[in-house]
Amino acid sequence: MLTALKSLDTLHLAEARFTADDLARLRALPNLKRLELDRIDIPAADVERLKTLLPEVVVDWRALNDEDRAALERLLAP
């Protein structure tokens, strides 16, 4: 589990679907300073909520464009 990596200061996540509640578990990482969300499907409101839940962490995220969303849907399809 990632939360066992107490010295982790930067985390890069890519090509997944999360909610703020999913990522709020990262509060267990006391040294986390940067969270990079690359091609992550998460509502913008959840990103804002995440920033309040992790105030000491720089959250680097951009909304998916149509091409990224289609690629992610193909990747996550059963």
Protein backbone atom coordinates (compact mmCIF):
# COMPACT_ATOMS: atom_id res chain seq x y z
CA MET A 1 0.00 0.00 0.00
CA LEU A 2 1.28 3.44 -0.89
CA THR A 3 0.44 4.85 2.51
CA ALA A 4 3.18 2.69 4.02
CA LEU A 5 5.79 4.73 2.13
CA LYS A 6 6.11 7.44 4.77
CA SER A 7 9.13 9.13 3.13
CA LEU A 8 7.39 9.56 -0.25
CA ASP A 9 7.41 13.23 -1.25
CA THR A 10 6.23 13.09 -4.89
CA LEU A 11 3.60 10.81 -6.36
CA HIS A 12 2.77 10.56 -10.05
CA LEU A 13 -0.48 8.78 -10.94
CA ALA A 14 -1.54 8.20 -14.54
CA GLU A 15 -4.40 6.78 -16.56
CA ALA A 16 -6.95 6.03 -13.87
CA ARG A 17 -10.26 7.15 -12.43
CA PHE A 18 -10.40 8.51 -8.88
CA THR A 19 -12.54 10.58 -6.55
CA ALA A 20 -11.37 12.98 -3.84
CA ASP A 21 -12.30 10.35 -1.28
CA ASP A 22 -10.05 7.81 -3.00
CA LEU A 23 -7.09 10.18 -2.95
CA ALA A 24 -7.79 11.55 0.54
CA ARG A 25 -6.09 8.43 1.88
CA LEU A 26 -2.83 10.06 0.83
CA ARG A 27 -3.10 12.19 4.00
CA ALA A 28 -1.31 9.24 5.61
CA LEU A 29 1.87 10.29 3.74
CA PRO A 30 3.44 12.88 6.05
CA ASN A 31 6.15 13.98 3.59
CA LEU A 32 4.01 14.21 0.45
CA LYS A 33 4.63 17.59 -1.20
CA ARG A 34 3.55 17.02 -4.81
CA LEU A 35 0.80 14.96 -6.41
CA GLU A 36 0.87 14.72 -10.20
CA LEU A 37 -2.34 13.49 -11.80
CA ASP A 38 -1.67 12.65 -15.45
CA ARG A 39 -4.67 11.67 -17.57
CA ILE A 40 -6.74 11.06 -14.44
CA ASP A 41 -10.52 11.10 -14.70
CA ILE A 42 -11.66 13.05 -11.66
CA PRO A 43 -14.25 15.81 -11.44
CA ALA A 44 -12.82 19.34 -11.11
CA ALA A 45 -14.84 19.81 -7.92
CA ASP A 46 -13.12 16.74 -6.44
CA VAL A 47 -9.70 18.20 -7.31
CA GLU A 48 -10.61 21.38 -5.45
CA ARG A 49 -11.82 19.32 -2.50
CA LEU A 50 -8.60 17.30 -2.60
CA LYS A 51 -6.58 20.51 -2.42
CA THR A 52 -8.38 21.41 0.81
CA LEU A 53 -7.87 17.90 2.19
CA LEU A 54 -4.15 18.02 1.36
CA PRO A 55 -3.27 21.69 1.93
CA GLU A 56 0.50 21.11 2.06
CA VAL A 57 0.51 19.22 -1.26
CA VAL A 58 0.82 20.81 -4.70
CA VAL A 59 -1.76 19.04 -6.86
CA ASP A 60 -0.84 19.14 -10.55
CA TRP A 61 -3.87 18.20 -12.68
CA ARG A 62 -5.60 19.23 -15.87
CA ALA A 63 -9.00 18.17 -17.08
CA LEU A 64 -9.13 15.43 -19.68
CA ASN A 65 -9.73 16.48 -23.26
CA ASP A 66 -11.94 14.37 -25.51
CA GLU A 67 -9.00 12.41 -26.93
CA ASP A 68 -7.58 11.63 -23.47
CA ARG A 69 -11.01 10.60 -22.19
CA ALA A 70 -11.58 8.24 -25.14
CA ALA A 71 -8.14 6.67 -24.67
CA LEU A 72 -8.76 6.22 -20.94
CA GLU A 73 -12.16 4.66 -21.58
CA ARG A 74 -10.53 2.14 -23.93
CA LEU A 75 -7.82 1.40 -21.37
CA LEU A 76 -10.27 0.91 -18.49
CA ALA A 77 -12.81 -1.09 -20.47
CA PRO A 78 -13.35 -4.63 -19.14
